[in-house]
C-alpha atoms as a PDB file:
ATOM      1  CA  MET A   1      98.782 124.985  64.787  1.00  0.00           C
ATOM      2  CA  GLU A   2      99.301 125.070  68.552  1.00  0.00           C
ATOM      3  CA  ALA A   3     102.275 123.237  70.018  1.00  0.00           C
ATOM      4  CA  PRO A   4     101.311 119.966  71.746  1.00  0.00           C
ATOM      5  CA  VAL A   5     101.045 120.038  75.506  1.00  0.00           C
ATOM      6  CA  LYS A   6     104.105 118.581  77.216  1.00  0.00           C
ATOM      7  CA  ILE A   7     103.345 116.246  80.122  1.00  0.00           C
ATOM      8  CA  TYR A   8     105.955 115.468  82.764  1.00  0.00           C
ATOM      9  CA  GLN A   9     106.138 113.223  85.799  1.00  0.00           C
ATOM     10  CA  ILE A  10     108.350 113.874  88.814  1.00  0.00           C
ATOM     11  CA  ASN A  11     108.664 111.720  91.909  1.00  0.00           C
ATOM     12  CA  ASN A  12     109.265 113.125  95.355  1.00  0.00           C
ATOM     13  CA  GLY A  13     112.944 113.818  95.950  1.00  0.00           C
ATOM     14  CA  ALA A  14     113.889 113.425  92.294  1.00  0.00           C
ATOM     15  CA  ILE A  15     114.006 117.070  91.217  1.00  0.00           C
ATOM     16  CA  LYS A  16     117.762 117.203  91.779  1.00  0.00           C
ATOM     17  CA  THR A  17     118.187 114.434  89.216  1.00  0.00           C
ATOM     18  CA  ASP A  18     115.355 115.762  87.023  1.00  0.00           C
ATOM     19  CA  LYS A  19     116.605 119.348  86.808  1.00  0.00           C
ATOM     20  CA  ALA A  20     116.382 119.249  83.023  1.00  0.00           C
ATOM     21  CA  VAL A  21     112.709 118.268  83.221  1.00  0.00           C
ATOM     22  CA  ALA A  22     111.870 120.905  85.817  1.00  0.00           C
ATOM     23  CA  ALA A  23     113.652 123.576  83.779  1.00  0.00           C
ATOM     24  CA  LYS A  24     111.514 122.841  80.713  1.00  0.00           C
ATOM     25  CA  LEU A  25     108.163 123.300  82.458  1.00  0.00           C
ATOM     26  CA  GLY A  26     106.015 126.154  81.221  1.00  0.00           C
ATOM     27  CA  PRO A  27     102.478 127.578  81.597  1.00  0.00           C
ATOM     28  CA  ASP A  28     101.050 125.311  78.894  1.00  0.00           C
ATOM     29  CA  ASP A  29     102.420 122.086  80.339  1.00  0.00           C
ATOM     30  CA  LEU A  30     101.159 119.519  82.820  1.00  0.00           C
ATOM     31  CA  CYS A  31     103.250 118.039  85.602  1.00  0.00           C
ATOM     32  CA  PHE A  32     102.417 115.091  87.855  1.00  0.00           C
ATOM     33  CA  TYR A  33     104.185 115.032  91.219  1.00  0.00           C
ATOM     34  CA  ARG A  34     104.079 111.711  93.097  1.00  0.00           C
ATOM     35  CA  PHE A  35     104.456 111.369  96.841  1.00  0.00           C
ATOM     36  CA  ILE A  36     103.948 108.598  99.396  1.00  0.00           C
ATOM     37  CA  GLY A  37     102.981 110.143 102.718  1.00  0.00           C
ATOM     38  CA  GLY A  38     103.921 109.267 106.278  1.00  0.00           C
ATOM     39  CA  ASN A  39     107.619 110.120 106.607  1.00  0.00           C
ATOM     40  CA  ALA A  40     107.935 113.334 108.626  1.00  0.00           C
ATOM     41  CA  SER A  41     111.505 113.957 107.416  1.00  0.00           C
ATOM     42  CA  GLU A  42     110.207 114.431 103.854  1.00  0.00           C
ATOM     43  CA  THR A  43     107.718 117.229 104.611  1.00  0.00           C
ATOM     44  CA  ASP A  44     110.163 120.115 104.092  1.00  0.00           C
ATOM     45  CA  ASN A  45     111.371 118.618 100.820  1.00  0.00           C
ATOM     46  CA  LEU A  46     107.768 118.150  99.671  1.00  0.00           C
ATOM     47  CA  THR A  47     107.073 121.818 100.350  1.00  0.00           C
ATOM     48  CA  SER A  48     110.206 123.137  98.639  1.00  0.00           C
ATOM     49  CA  GLU A  49     109.853 120.967  95.537  1.00  0.00           C
ATOM     50  CA  LEU A  50     106.174 121.758  95.043  1.00  0.00           C
ATOM     51  CA  THR A  51     106.824 125.461  95.598  1.00  0.00           C
ATOM     52  CA  MET A  52     109.524 125.415  92.932  1.00  0.00           C
ATOM     53  CA  LEU A  53     107.279 123.557  90.478  1.00  0.00           C
ATOM     54  CA  ARG A  54     104.388 125.905  91.184  1.00  0.00           C
ATOM     55  CA  GLU A  55     106.494 128.853  90.051  1.00  0.00           C
ATOM     56  CA  LYS A  56     106.736 127.294  86.591  1.00  0.00           C
ATOM     57  CA  LYS A  57     102.994 128.034  86.146  1.00  0.00           C
ATOM     58  CA  ALA A  58     102.358 124.574  84.696  1.00  0.00           C
ATOM     59  CA  LEU A  59      99.198 122.696  85.611  1.00  0.00           C
ATOM     60  CA  LEU A  60     100.408 120.852  88.711  1.00  0.00           C
ATOM     61  CA  ILE A  61      98.660 117.645  89.796  1.00  0.00           C
ATOM     62  CA  GLY A  62      99.771 115.863  92.934  1.00  0.00           C
ATOM     63  CA  VAL A  63      99.452 112.081  93.147  1.00  0.00           C
ATOM     64  CA  PHE A  64      99.354 111.243  96.848  1.00  0.00           C
ATOM     65  CA  ARG A  65      99.345 107.838  98.536  1.00  0.00           C
ATOM     66  CA  PHE A  66      98.359 107.471 102.181  1.00  0.00           C
ATOM     67  CA  PRO A  67     100.205 104.850 104.243  1.00  0.00           C
ATOM     68  CA  PHE A  68      98.568 101.751 105.679  1.00  0.00           C
ATOM     69  CA  ARG A  69      96.521 102.299 108.827  1.00  0.00           C
ATOM     70  CA  PHE A  70      98.429  99.457 110.477  1.00  0.00           C
ATOM     71  CA  GLU A  71     101.646 101.474 110.159  1.00  0.00           C
ATOM     72  CA  GLY A  72     100.512 103.553 113.113  1.00  0.00           C
ATOM     73  CA  LYS A  73      98.482 106.608 114.051  1.00  0.00           C
ATOM     74  CA  LYS A  74     101.452 108.972 114.079  1.00  0.00           C
ATOM     75  CA  ARG A  75     102.485 108.063 110.544  1.00  0.00           C
ATOM     76  CA  TYR A  76      98.938 108.576 109.280  1.00  0.00           C
ATOM     77  CA  GLU A  77      98.703 111.964 111.023  1.00  0.00           C
ATOM     78  CA  THR A  78     101.940 112.996 109.310  1.00  0.00           C
ATOM     79  CA  ALA A  79     100.522 111.901 105.963  1.00  0.00           C
ATOM     80  CA  SER A  80      97.366 113.943 106.609  1.00  0.00           C
ATOM     81  CA  ASN A  81      99.456 117.096 107.071  1.00  0.00           C
ATOM     82  CA  GLN A  82     101.443 116.273 103.939  1.00  0.00           C
ATOM     83  CA  TYR A  83      98.245 115.743 101.964  1.00  0.00           C
ATOM     84  CA  TYR A  84      97.003 119.219 102.872  1.00  0.00           C
ATOM     85  CA  ARG A  85     100.397 120.706 102.012  1.00  0.00           C
ATOM     86  CA  MET A  86     100.104 119.118  98.578  1.00  0.00           C
ATOM     87  CA  LYS A  87      96.539 120.388  98.240  1.00  0.00           C
ATOM     88  CA  GLU A  88      97.707 123.895  99.170  1.00  0.00           C
ATOM     89  CA  LEU A  89     100.412 123.971  96.497  1.00  0.00           C
ATOM     90  CA  CYS A  90      98.930 121.893  93.662  1.00  0.00           C
ATOM     91  CA  ASP A  91      96.060 122.673  91.311  1.00  0.00           C
ATOM     92  CA  ALA A  92      94.558 119.289  92.139  1.00  0.00           C
ATOM     93  CA  VAL A  93      95.344 116.109  94.050  1.00  0.00           C
ATOM     94  CA  ILE A  94      94.599 112.536  93.039  1.00  0.00           C
ATOM     95  CA  TYR A  95      94.843 110.428  96.165  1.00  0.00           C
ATOM     96  CA  PHE A  96      95.066 106.722  96.900  1.00  0.00           C
ATOM     97  CA  THR A  97      94.878 104.914 100.220  1.00  0.00           C
ATOM     98  CA  SER A  98      97.211 101.961 100.708  1.00  0.00           C
ATOM     99  CA  ASP A  99      94.403 100.127 102.510  1.00  0.00           C
ATOM    100  CA  GLY A 100      92.133 100.530  99.480  1.00  0.00           C
ATOM    101  CA  LEU A 101      94.880  99.469  97.101  1.00  0.00           C
ATOM    102  CA  MET A 102      95.559  96.397  99.225  1.00  0.00           C
ATOM    103  CA  GLU A 103      91.956  95.237  98.693  1.00  0.00           C
ATOM    104  CA  THR A 104      92.854  94.595  95.049  1.00  0.00           C
ATOM    105  CA  LEU A 105      95.414  91.940  96.076  1.00  0.00           C
ATOM    106  CA  ASP A 106      95.329  88.300  97.086  1.00  0.00           C
ATOM    107  CA  HIS A 107      96.374  87.518 100.644  1.00  0.00           C
ATOM    108  CA  ASN A 108      99.444  85.626  99.459  1.00  0.00           C
ATOM    109  CA  THR A 109     100.793  88.545  97.378  1.00  0.00           C
ATOM    110  CA  THR A 110     104.392  89.336  98.294  1.00  0.00           C
ATOM    111  CA  ILE A 111     105.311  92.781  99.615  1.00  0.00           C
ATOM    112  CA  ARG A 112     107.414  93.450  96.516  1.00  0.00           C
ATOM    113  CA  ASP A 113     104.585  92.487  94.144  1.00  0.00           C
ATOM    114  CA  ALA A 114     102.140  94.569  96.171  1.00  0.00           C
ATOM    115  CA  HIS A 115     104.237  97.721  95.803  1.00  0.00           C
ATOM    116  CA  GLN A 116     104.637  97.058  92.079  1.00  0.00           C
ATOM    117  CA  THR A 117     100.849  96.727  91.741  1.00  0.00           C
ATOM    118  CA  PHE A 118     100.240  99.969  93.639  1.00  0.00           C
ATOM    119  CA  HIS A 119     102.779 101.713  91.440  1.00  0.00           C
ATOM    120  CA  ALA A 120     101.130 100.336  88.282  1.00  0.00           C
ATOM    121  CA  ILE A 121      97.669 101.551  89.355  1.00  0.00           C
ATOM    122  CA  GLU A 122      98.995 105.067  89.929  1.00  0.00           C
ATOM    123  CA  GLU A 123     100.851 104.970  86.608  1.00  0.00           C
ATOM    124  CA  HIS A 124      97.699 103.854  84.815  1.00  0.00           C
ATOM    125  CA  THR A 125      95.718 106.764  86.262  1.00  0.00           C
ATOM    126  CA  MET A 126      98.291 109.297  85.080  1.00  0.00           C
ATOM    127  CA  LYS A 127      98.516 107.612  81.677  1.00  0.00           C
ATOM    128  CA  THR A 128      94.727 107.804  81.287  1.00  0.00           C
ATOM    129  CA  LEU A 129      94.678 111.551  81.892  1.00  0.00           C
ATOM    130  CA  LYS A 130      97.603 111.945  79.518  1.00  0.00           C
ATOM    131  CA  GLN A 131      95.715 110.058  76.795  1.00  0.00           C
ATOM    132  CA  LEU A 132      92.613 112.161  77.407  1.00  0.00           C
ATOM    133  CA  ILE A 133      94.652 115.273  76.635  1.00  0.00           C
ATOM    134  CA  GLU A 134      96.825 113.940  73.823  1.00  0.00           C
ATOM    135  CA  GLU A 135      94.180 111.866  72.029  1.00  0.00           C
ATOM    136  CA  THR A 136      91.227 114.220  72.004  1.00  0.00           C
ATOM    137  CA  GLY A 137      87.796 112.786  71.350  1.00  0.00           C
ATOM    138  CA  GLU A 138      85.436 113.798  68.575  1.00  0.00           C
ATOM    139  CA  MET A 139      83.833 116.280  70.985  1.00  0.00           C
ATOM    140  CA  ASN A 140      87.278 117.866  71.454  1.00  0.00           C
ATOM    141  CA  ILE A 141      88.182 117.397  75.110  1.00  0.00           C
ATOM    142  CA  ASP A 142      91.520 119.177  75.222  1.00  0.00           C
ATOM    143  CA  PHE A 143      94.083 120.528  77.669  1.00  0.00           C
ATOM    144  CA  GLN A 144      92.231 123.821  78.147  1.00  0.00           C
ATOM    145  CA  ASP A 145      89.065 121.897  79.084  1.00  0.00           C
ATOM    146  CA  ILE A 146      90.965 119.831  81.645  1.00  0.00           C
ATOM    147  CA  GLU A 147      92.682 122.911  83.070  1.00  0.00           C
ATOM    148  CA  THR A 148      89.406 124.834  83.442  1.00  0.00           C
ATOM    149  CA  PHE A 149      87.702 121.776  84.929  1.00  0.00           C
ATOM    150  CA  ILE A 150      90.432 121.216  87.509  1.00  0.00           C
ATOM    151  CA  LYS A 151      90.677 124.837  88.602  1.00  0.00           C
ATOM    152  CA  ALA A 152      86.899 125.104  89.015  1.00  0.00           C
ATOM    153  CA  ASN A 153      87.075 122.972  92.179  1.00  0.00           C
ATOM    154  CA  LYS A 154      90.470 122.991  93.856  1.00  0.00           C
ATOM    155  CA  GLY A 155      91.065 119.802  95.768  1.00  0.00           C
ATOM    156  CA  PRO A 156      90.642 116.077  95.180  1.00  0.00           C
ATOM    157  CA  LEU A 157      90.334 114.910  91.603  1.00  0.00           C
ATOM    158  CA  SER A 158      89.426 111.366  90.684  1.00  0.00           C
ATOM    159  CA  LEU A 159      89.739 109.509  87.413  1.00  0.00           C
ATOM    160  CA  HIS A 160      88.632 106.030  86.451  1.00  0.00           C
ATOM    161  CA  THR A 161      88.361 104.033  83.220  1.00  0.00           C
ATOM    162  CA  ILE A 162      86.212 100.972  82.592  1.00  0.00           C
ATOM    163  CA  GLU A 163      86.120  98.675  79.553  1.00  0.00           C
ATOM    164  CA  GLU A 164      83.189  96.321  78.974  1.00  0.00           C
ATOM    165  CA  ASP A 165      81.385  94.579  76.122  1.00  0.00           C
ATOM    166  CA  CYS A 166      78.053  94.837  77.908  1.00  0.00           C
ATOM    167  CA  PHE A 167      76.580  96.338  81.069  1.00  0.00           C
ATOM    168  CA  ASP A 168      74.051  93.760  82.224  1.00  0.00           C
ATOM    169  CA  GLU A 169      74.605  94.471  85.929  1.00  0.00           C
ATOM    170  CA  PRO A 170      74.059  97.832  87.698  1.00  0.00           C
ATOM    171  CA  LEU A 171      76.652 100.332  86.528  1.00  0.00           C
ATOM    172  CA  LYS A 172      77.739 101.189  90.073  1.00  0.00           C
ATOM    173  CA  TYR A 173      79.012  97.623  90.519  1.00  0.00           C
ATOM    174  CA  VAL A 174      80.947  97.791  87.256  1.00  0.00           C
ATOM    175  CA  ILE A 175      82.573 101.097  88.222  1.00  0.00           C
ATOM    176  CA  PHE A 176      83.295 100.199  91.834  1.00  0.00           C
ATOM    177  CA  THR A 177      86.878  99.534  92.811  1.00  0.00           C
ATOM    178  CA  PRO A 178      88.219  99.716  96.386  1.00  0.00           C
ATOM    179  CA  TYR A 179      90.835 102.395  95.748  1.00  0.00           C
ATOM    180  CA  LEU A 180      88.344 104.952  94.393  1.00  0.00           C
ATOM    181  CA  PRO A 181      87.103 107.673  96.788  1.00  0.00           C
ATOM    182  CA  LYS A 182      83.933 106.586  98.595  1.00  0.00           C
ATOM    183  CA  ASP A 183      82.084 109.623  97.239  1.00  0.00           C
ATOM    184  CA  PHE A 184      83.331 109.143  93.666  1.00  0.00           C
ATOM    185  CA  THR A 185      79.807 109.380  92.222  1.00  0.00           C
ATOM    186  CA  ASP A 186      78.916 112.427  94.360  1.00  0.00           C
ATOM    187  CA  GLY A 187      81.278 114.904  92.698  1.00  0.00           C
ATOM    188  CA  LYS A 188      80.280 118.417  91.688  1.00  0.00           C
ATOM    189  CA  GLN A 189      81.471 118.205  88.087  1.00  0.00           C
ATOM    190  CA  LEU A 190      82.045 115.417  85.605  1.00  0.00           C
ATOM    191  CA  ILE A 191      83.839 114.848  82.308  1.00  0.00           C
ATOM    192  CA  ILE A 192      82.851 111.728  80.378  1.00  0.00           C
ATOM    193  CA  ASN A 193      84.782 110.369  77.412  1.00  0.00           C
ATOM    194  CA  ILE A 194      83.221 107.342  75.707  1.00  0.00           C
ATOM    195  CA  GLY A 195      85.019 105.098  73.248  1.00  0.00           C
ATOM    196  CA  TYR A 196      82.871 102.720  71.205  1.00  0.00           C
ATOM    197  CA  ALA A 197      83.825  99.808  68.939  1.00  0.00           C
ATOM    198  CA  GLN A 198      82.486  98.997  65.446  1.00  0.00           C
ATOM    199  CA  ASP A 199      79.374  97.036  66.458  1.00  0.00           C
ATOM    200  CA  VAL A 200      77.998  99.341  69.156  1.00  0.00           C
ATOM    201  CA  ASP A 201      74.526 100.474  68.080  1.00  0.00           C
ATOM    202  CA  MET A 202      72.660 103.674  68.927  1.00  0.00           C
ATOM    203  CA  GLU A 203      70.421 101.927  71.450  1.00  0.00           C
ATOM    204  CA  ALA A 204      73.417 100.734  73.476  1.00  0.00           C
ATOM    205  CA  PHE A 205      75.042 104.172  73.202  1.00  0.00           C
ATOM    206  CA  GLN A 206      71.859 105.839  74.431  1.00  0.00           C
ATOM    207  CA  GLN A 207      71.449 103.443  77.355  1.00  0.00           C
ATOM    208  CA  ILE A 208      75.029 103.825  78.577  1.00  0.00           C
ATOM    209  CA  ASN A 209      74.655 107.609  78.525  1.00  0.00           C
ATOM    210  CA  LEU A 210      71.387 107.484  80.464  1.00  0.00           C
ATOM    211  CA  ARG A 211      72.871 105.154  83.077  1.00  0.00           C
ATOM    212  CA  LEU A 212      75.961 107.303  83.506  1.00  0.00           C
ATOM    213  CA  HIS A 213      73.895 110.461  83.978  1.00  0.00           C
ATOM    214  CA  ASP A 214      71.681 108.655  86.470  1.00  0.00           C
ATOM    215  CA  LEU A 215      74.653 107.345  88.454  1.00  0.00           C
ATOM    216  CA  PHE A 216      76.305 110.786  88.560  1.00  0.00           C
ATOM    217  CA  SER A 217      73.056 112.686  89.097  1.00  0.00           C
ATOM    218  CA  LYS A 218      74.633 115.083  91.629  1.00  0.00           C
ATOM    219  CA  ALA A 219      77.324 116.257  89.205  1.00  0.00           C
ATOM    220  CA  ASP A 220      77.079 118.908  86.522  1.00  0.00           C
ATOM    221  CA  LEU A 221      78.292 117.516  83.204  1.00  0.00           C
ATOM    222  CA  PHE A 222      81.231 119.722  82.258  1.00  0.00           C
ATOM    223  CA  LYS A 223      81.916 118.015  78.951  1.00  0.00           C
ATOM    224  CA  LEU A 224      80.991 114.853  77.083  1.00  0.00           C
ATOM    225  CA  GLY A 225      83.395 113.403  74.549  1.00  0.00           C
ATOM    226  CA  SER A 226      83.208 110.349  72.332  1.00  0.00           C
ATOM    227  CA  TYR A 227      85.534 108.579  69.937  1.00  0.00           C
ATOM    228  CA  PHE A 228      85.503 105.593  67.621  1.00  0.00           C
ATOM    229  CA  ILE A 229      87.544 102.469  68.402  1.00  0.00           C
ATOM    230  CA  ASP A 230      88.215 100.855  65.039  1.00  0.00           C
ATOM    231  CA  GLU A 231      87.913  97.274  66.271  1.00  0.00           C
ATOM    232  CA  PRO A 232      85.149  94.658  65.871  1.00  0.00           C
ATOM    233  CA  GLY A 233      82.791  94.050  68.765  1.00  0.00           C
ATOM    234  CA  GLU A 234      80.480  95.938  71.109  1.00  0.00           C
ATOM    235  CA  ARG A 235      83.161  97.206  73.468  1.00  0.00           C
ATOM    236  CA  PHE A 236      82.897 100.458  75.371  1.00  0.00           C
ATOM    237  CA  LYS A 237      85.837 102.252  76.956  1.00  0.00           C
ATOM    238  CA  ILE A 238      84.574 104.911  79.349  1.00  0.00           C
ATOM    239  CA  THR A 239      86.765 107.437  81.151  1.00  0.00           C
ATOM    240  CA  LEU A 240      85.235 109.379  84.045  1.00  0.00           C
ATOM    241  CA  LEU A 241      86.922 112.462  85.485  1.00  0.00           C
ATOM    242  CA  VAL A 242      85.299 113.812  88.653  1.00  0.00           C
ATOM    243  CA  ASN A 243      86.035 116.841  90.808  1.00  0.00           C
ATOM    244  CA  GLY A 244      84.399 118.468  93.811  1.00  0.00           C
ATOM    245  CA  ILE A 245      84.664 115.344  95.966  1.00  0.00           C
ATOM    246  CA  SER A 246      85.481 115.376  99.680  1.00  0.00           C
ATOM    247  CA  ASP A 247      88.936 115.274 101.212  1.00  0.00           C
ATOM    248  CA  PRO A 248      89.814 111.803 102.526  1.00  0.00           C
ATOM    249  CA  VAL A 249      90.855 113.186 105.931  1.00  0.00           C
ATOM    250  CA  THR A 250      89.889 116.234 107.973  1.00  0.00           C
ATOM    251  CA  LEU A 251      92.262 119.177 108.210  1.00  0.00           C
ATOM    252  CA  PRO A 252      94.613 118.451 111.160  1.00  0.00           C
ATOM    253  CA  ASP A 253      94.390 120.902 114.071  1.00  0.00           C
ATOM    254  CA  ASN A 254      98.152 121.443 113.915  1.00  0.00           C
ATOM    255  CA  TYR A 255      98.307 122.133 110.169  1.00  0.00           C
ATOM    256  CA  GLN A 256     100.092 125.389 109.360  1.00  0.00           C
ATOM    257  CA  ARG A 257      99.647 127.054 106.001  1.00  0.00           C
ATOM    258  CA  ILE A 258     102.703 128.540 104.292  1.00  0.00           C
ATOM    259  CA  PRO A 259     102.969 132.169 105.520  1.00  0.00           C
ATOM    260  CA  LYS A 260     102.597 134.722 102.734  1.00  0.00           C
ATOM    261  CA  TYR A 261     105.640 136.701 103.892  1.00  0.00           C
ATOM    262  CA  LYS A 262     107.872 133.625 103.585  1.00  0.00           C
ATOM    263  CA  GLU A 263     106.749 133.115 100.006  1.00  0.00           C
ATOM    264  CA  LEU A 264     107.416 136.764  99.127  1.00  0.00           C
ATOM    265  CA  PHE A 265     110.826 136.661 100.823  1.00  0.00           C
ATOM    266  CA  ARG A 266     111.784 133.497  98.952  1.00  0.00           C
ATOM    267  CA  LYS A 267     110.856 135.060  95.588  1.00  0.00           C
ATOM    268  CA  TRP A 268     112.801 138.216  96.453  1.00  0.00           C
ATOM    269  CA  LYS A 269     115.824 136.084  97.362  1.00  0.00           C
ATOM    270  CA  ILE A 270     115.687 134.235  94.038  1.00  0.00           C
ATOM    271  CA  LEU A 271     115.486 137.494  92.067  1.00  0.00           C
ATOM    272  CA  SER A 272     118.373 138.951  94.073  1.00  0.00           C
ATOM    273  CA  GLU A 273     120.555 135.915  93.396  1.00  0.00           C
ATOM    274  CA  LYS A 274     119.799 136.131  89.663  1.00  0.00           C
ATOM    275  CA  SER A 275     120.735 139.826  89.652  1.00  0.00           C
ATOM    276  CA  ILE A 276     124.011 139.110  91.452  1.00  0.00           C
ATOM    277  CA  ARG A 277     124.904 136.385  88.961  1.00  0.00           C
ATOM    278  CA  LYS A 278     124.293 138.765  86.054  1.00  0.00           C
ATOM    279  CA  ILE A 279     126.550 141.400  87.655  1.00  0.00           C
ATOM    280  CA  LYS A 280     129.329 138.877  88.261  1.00  0.00           C
ATOM    281  CA  THR A 281     129.151 137.452  84.747  1.00  0.00           C
ATOM    282  CA  PRO A 282     132.007 139.055  82.784  1.00  0.00           C
ATOM    283  CA  THR A 283     131.102 140.640  79.494  1.00  0.00           C
ATOM    284  CA  LYS A 284     133.203 140.167  76.368  1.00  0.00           C
ATOM    285  CA  ASP A 285     134.930 143.178  74.907  1.00  0.00           C
ATOM    286  CA  VAL A 286     133.557 144.168  71.572  1.00  0.00           C
END
């Protein structure tokens, strides 16, 4: 029996305190890296931390939040560069815009409560992907499926879950939420995982499948999973994982990719330091 996939979460700037977590990462693990863009002083740290995590060969998913537009053009331009740095170093990026997240709030929501809500939405998205991997459906959507799916289209990845007892209104209105990418239904590939309660009949199951395929008509279905929810009622729980969507911002003219020679030099430096430490380590007499 294969060992279960380990899933980790690291926030920007926390690797120094999460050294134990970073040290455990391996090729068969998944790591979420969260970052809120806009602060220019954090760009170098973003690059170094993601580069270090990338070397662990784990599946690396960036969770990026753009700042509010009202925070200024310069801050948003900085975030755009940081987004593309994350895209360059991660296997995939799930992005949120603060403006879209704010549309989920009432006007009288306090700043503190707003940030807690944004945090909870991001946490829920990561938790959903974690559940998809750890609690495989009857059609066996597993870590290898997710890894292959993500690497097929490097770039933005979007995930959304809906729970309903019925779908009397058009499905696009049920799925819509302001923080989803505008082209969420226009992705190139799609994974669908459908949970169904005890009283869901075959007619309802057929109709929900037809409506999903119609709504995501531009996407190739990568995998379809289903699982039984052992509860009374006609409830559906549908998770949609989409890739091949557009970037939320255009590549800035001043964006500079990480030079290949710098990457090679950094790896050589790490190997040299390890060799020096081995030489300096005294050996015990036998």
